[in-house]
């Protein structure tokens, strides 16, 4: 994501080698060459910005970003629907709705 929106430096998760849902979705859809590039880049503390941008481009091209965004939207909607249960207090409902918003929104 955009460092201004996420509050994290560009490529941090890639440099740390994190196997996120976005990485998994990308790897499922990427070509053999793209997978090889991503695998060789993950976990490299000195990964340069050009490589970060290339991986971002692959993620976009193969539809992984859209897939993950859609998944987040669906899971959030399902969770918010579940909060309508009469067994959940209004205080808990409002707190959990706020937490869902904080967890899923990248910018103000």
C-alpha atoms as a PDB file:
ATOM      1  CA  UNK A   1       0.000   0.000   0.000  1.00  0.00           C
ATOM      2  CA  UNK A   2       0.826   3.662  -0.156  1.00  0.00           C
ATOM      3  CA  UNK A   3       3.116   4.618   2.758  1.00  0.00           C
ATOM      4  CA  UNK A   4       1.029   7.758   3.377  1.00  0.00           C
ATOM      5  CA  UNK A   5      -2.077   5.588   3.806  1.00  0.00           C
ATOM      6  CA  UNK A   6      -0.584   2.608   5.629  1.00  0.00           C
ATOM      7  CA  UNK A   7       1.891   4.492   7.801  1.00  0.00           C
ATOM      8  CA  UNK A   8       4.571   1.924   6.882  1.00  0.00           C
ATOM      9  CA  UNK A   9       7.521   2.300   4.502  1.00  0.00           C
ATOM     10  CA  UNK A  10       6.934   0.967   0.983  1.00  0.00           C
ATOM     11  CA  UNK A  11       7.897  -2.686   0.709  1.00  0.00           C
ATOM     12  CA  UNK A  12       8.337  -3.350   4.430  1.00  0.00           C
ATOM     13  CA  UNK A  13       6.319  -6.586   4.380  1.00  0.00           C
ATOM     14  CA  UNK A  14       8.228  -7.746   1.299  1.00  0.00           C
ATOM     15  CA  UNK A  15      11.590  -6.994   2.891  1.00  0.00           C
ATOM     16  CA  UNK A  16      10.507  -8.862   6.019  1.00  0.00           C
ATOM     17  CA  UNK A  17       9.379 -11.820   3.897  1.00  0.00           C
ATOM     18  CA  UNK A  18       5.833 -11.802   5.248  1.00  0.00           C
ATOM     19  CA  UNK A  19       3.595 -14.374   3.583  1.00  0.00           C
ATOM     20  CA  UNK A  20       0.429 -12.299   3.519  1.00  0.00           C
ATOM     21  CA  UNK A  21      -2.907 -13.111   1.913  1.00  0.00           C
ATOM     22  CA  UNK A  22      -1.953 -10.674  -0.844  1.00  0.00           C
ATOM     23  CA  UNK A  23       1.278 -12.565  -1.520  1.00  0.00           C
ATOM     24  CA  UNK A  24      -0.611 -15.882  -1.555  1.00  0.00           C
ATOM     25  CA  UNK A  25      -3.226 -14.522  -3.967  1.00  0.00           C
ATOM     26  CA  UNK A  26      -0.469 -13.133  -6.189  1.00  0.00           C
ATOM     27  CA  UNK A  27       1.449 -16.399  -6.233  1.00  0.00           C
ATOM     28  CA  UNK A  28      -1.703 -18.331  -7.185  1.00  0.00           C
ATOM     29  CA  UNK A  29      -2.189 -16.109 -10.228  1.00  0.00           C
ATOM     30  CA  UNK A  30       1.346 -15.187 -11.309  1.00  0.00           C
ATOM     31  CA  UNK A  31       3.349 -16.671 -14.157  1.00  0.00           C
ATOM     32  CA  UNK A  32       6.318 -18.935 -13.473  1.00  0.00           C
ATOM     33  CA  UNK A  33       8.687 -16.025 -14.114  1.00  0.00           C
ATOM     34  CA  UNK A  34       6.733 -13.663 -11.866  1.00  0.00           C
ATOM     35  CA  UNK A  35       6.654 -16.255  -9.068  1.00  0.00           C
ATOM     36  CA  UNK A  36      10.405 -16.741  -9.375  1.00  0.00           C
ATOM     37  CA  UNK A  37      11.004 -12.997  -9.127  1.00  0.00           C
ATOM     38  CA  UNK A  38       8.754 -12.654  -6.084  1.00  0.00           C
ATOM     39  CA  UNK A  39      10.299 -15.683  -4.369  1.00  0.00           C
ATOM     40  CA  UNK A  40      13.793 -14.321  -4.954  1.00  0.00           C
ATOM     41  CA  UNK A  41      12.766 -10.913  -3.586  1.00  0.00           C
ATOM     42  CA  UNK A  42      10.837 -11.858  -0.447  1.00  0.00           C
ATOM     43  CA  UNK A  43      12.819 -11.486   2.742  1.00  0.00           C
ATOM     44  CA  UNK A  44      15.614  -9.385   1.246  1.00  0.00           C
ATOM     45  CA  UNK A  45      16.256  -6.572   3.734  1.00  0.00           C
ATOM     46  CA  UNK A  46      17.941  -4.512   1.015  1.00  0.00           C
ATOM     47  CA  UNK A  47      15.116  -4.906  -1.539  1.00  0.00           C
ATOM     48  CA  UNK A  48      15.164  -1.763  -3.667  1.00  0.00           C
ATOM     49  CA  UNK A  49      12.193   0.425  -4.536  1.00  0.00           C
ATOM     50  CA  UNK A  50      12.264  -0.665  -8.192  1.00  0.00           C
ATOM     51  CA  UNK A  51      11.773  -4.292  -7.133  1.00  0.00           C
ATOM     52  CA  UNK A  52       9.014  -3.306  -4.729  1.00  0.00           C
ATOM     53  CA  UNK A  53       7.267  -1.474  -7.559  1.00  0.00           C
ATOM     54  CA  UNK A  54       7.693  -4.473  -9.884  1.00  0.00           C
ATOM     55  CA  UNK A  55       6.032  -6.749  -7.313  1.00  0.00           C
ATOM     56  CA  UNK A  56       3.216  -4.212  -6.821  1.00  0.00           C
ATOM     57  CA  UNK A  57       2.741  -4.144 -10.575  1.00  0.00           C
ATOM     58  CA  UNK A  58       2.515  -7.941 -10.703  1.00  0.00           C
ATOM     59  CA  UNK A  59      -0.033  -7.898  -7.855  1.00  0.00           C
ATOM     60  CA  UNK A  60      -2.189  -5.432  -9.751  1.00  0.00           C
ATOM     61  CA  UNK A  61      -1.788  -7.147 -13.118  1.00  0.00           C
ATOM     62  CA  UNK A  62      -2.808 -10.594 -11.901  1.00  0.00           C
ATOM     63  CA  UNK A  63      -5.841  -9.256 -10.011  1.00  0.00           C
ATOM     64  CA  UNK A  64      -4.602 -10.148  -6.533  1.00  0.00           C
ATOM     65  CA  UNK A  65      -5.214  -6.660  -5.142  1.00  0.00           C
ATOM     66  CA  UNK A  66      -8.823  -6.629  -6.333  1.00  0.00           C
ATOM     67  CA  UNK A  67      -9.334 -10.164  -5.013  1.00  0.00           C
ATOM     68  CA  UNK A  68      -8.074  -9.256  -1.533  1.00  0.00           C
ATOM     69  CA  UNK A  69     -10.027  -5.981  -1.430  1.00  0.00           C
ATOM     70  CA  UNK A  70     -13.221  -7.854  -2.363  1.00  0.00           C
ATOM     71  CA  UNK A  71     -12.509 -10.484   0.280  1.00  0.00           C
ATOM     72  CA  UNK A  72     -12.015  -7.779   2.923  1.00  0.00           C
ATOM     73  CA  UNK A  73     -15.274  -6.090   1.929  1.00  0.00           C
ATOM     74  CA  UNK A  74     -17.218  -9.361   2.109  1.00  0.00           C
ATOM     75  CA  UNK A  75     -15.754 -10.454   5.435  1.00  0.00           C
ATOM     76  CA  UNK A  76     -16.368  -6.996   6.892  1.00  0.00           C
ATOM     77  CA  UNK A  77     -19.979  -7.004   5.691  1.00  0.00           C
ATOM     78  CA  UNK A  78     -20.508 -10.502   7.118  1.00  0.00           C
ATOM     79  CA  UNK A  79     -19.010  -9.420  10.441  1.00  0.00           C
ATOM     80  CA  UNK A  80     -21.123  -6.282  10.643  1.00  0.00           C
ATOM     81  CA  UNK A  81     -24.211  -8.340   9.876  1.00  0.00           C
ATOM     82  CA  UNK A  82     -23.325 -10.735  12.703  1.00  0.00           C
ATOM     83  CA  UNK A  83     -23.153  -7.764  15.082  1.00  0.00           C
ATOM     84  CA  UNK A  84     -26.892  -7.294  14.655  1.00  0.00           C
ATOM     85  CA  UNK A  85     -27.456 -10.307  16.907  1.00  0.00           C
ATOM     86  CA  UNK A  86     -29.659  -9.418  19.888  1.00  0.00           C
ATOM     87  CA  UNK A  87     -27.191 -11.231  22.144  1.00  0.00           C
ATOM     88  CA  UNK A  88     -24.590  -8.507  21.595  1.00  0.00           C
ATOM     89  CA  UNK A  89     -24.893  -5.460  23.824  1.00  0.00           C
ATOM     90  CA  UNK A  90     -25.163  -2.058  22.193  1.00  0.00           C
ATOM     91  CA  UNK A  91     -21.872  -0.991  23.786  1.00  0.00           C
ATOM     92  CA  UNK A  92     -20.069  -4.041  22.418  1.00  0.00           C
ATOM     93  CA  UNK A  93     -21.731  -3.581  19.015  1.00  0.00           C
ATOM     94  CA  UNK A  94     -20.553   0.031  18.729  1.00  0.00           C
ATOM     95  CA  UNK A  95     -17.043  -0.855  19.867  1.00  0.00           C
ATOM     96  CA  UNK A  96     -16.769  -3.751  17.409  1.00  0.00           C
ATOM     97  CA  UNK A  97     -18.152  -1.619  14.553  1.00  0.00           C
ATOM     98  CA  UNK A  98     -15.502   0.993  15.346  1.00  0.00           C
ATOM     99  CA  UNK A  99     -12.785  -1.672  15.406  1.00  0.00           C
ATOM    100  CA  UNK A 100     -13.951  -3.035  12.043  1.00  0.00           C
ATOM    101  CA  UNK A 101     -13.729   0.455  10.604  1.00  0.00           C
ATOM    102  CA  UNK A 102     -10.247   1.047  12.034  1.00  0.00           C
ATOM    103  CA  UNK A 103      -9.018  -2.331  10.786  1.00  0.00           C
ATOM    104  CA  UNK A 104     -10.332  -1.984   7.240  1.00  0.00           C
ATOM    105  CA  UNK A 105      -9.951   1.694   6.346  1.00  0.00           C
ATOM    106  CA  UNK A 106      -6.563   2.863   5.106  1.00  0.00           C
ATOM    107  CA  UNK A 107      -7.151   6.583   5.095  1.00  0.00           C
ATOM    108  CA  UNK A 108      -9.259   9.137   6.961  1.00  0.00           C
END
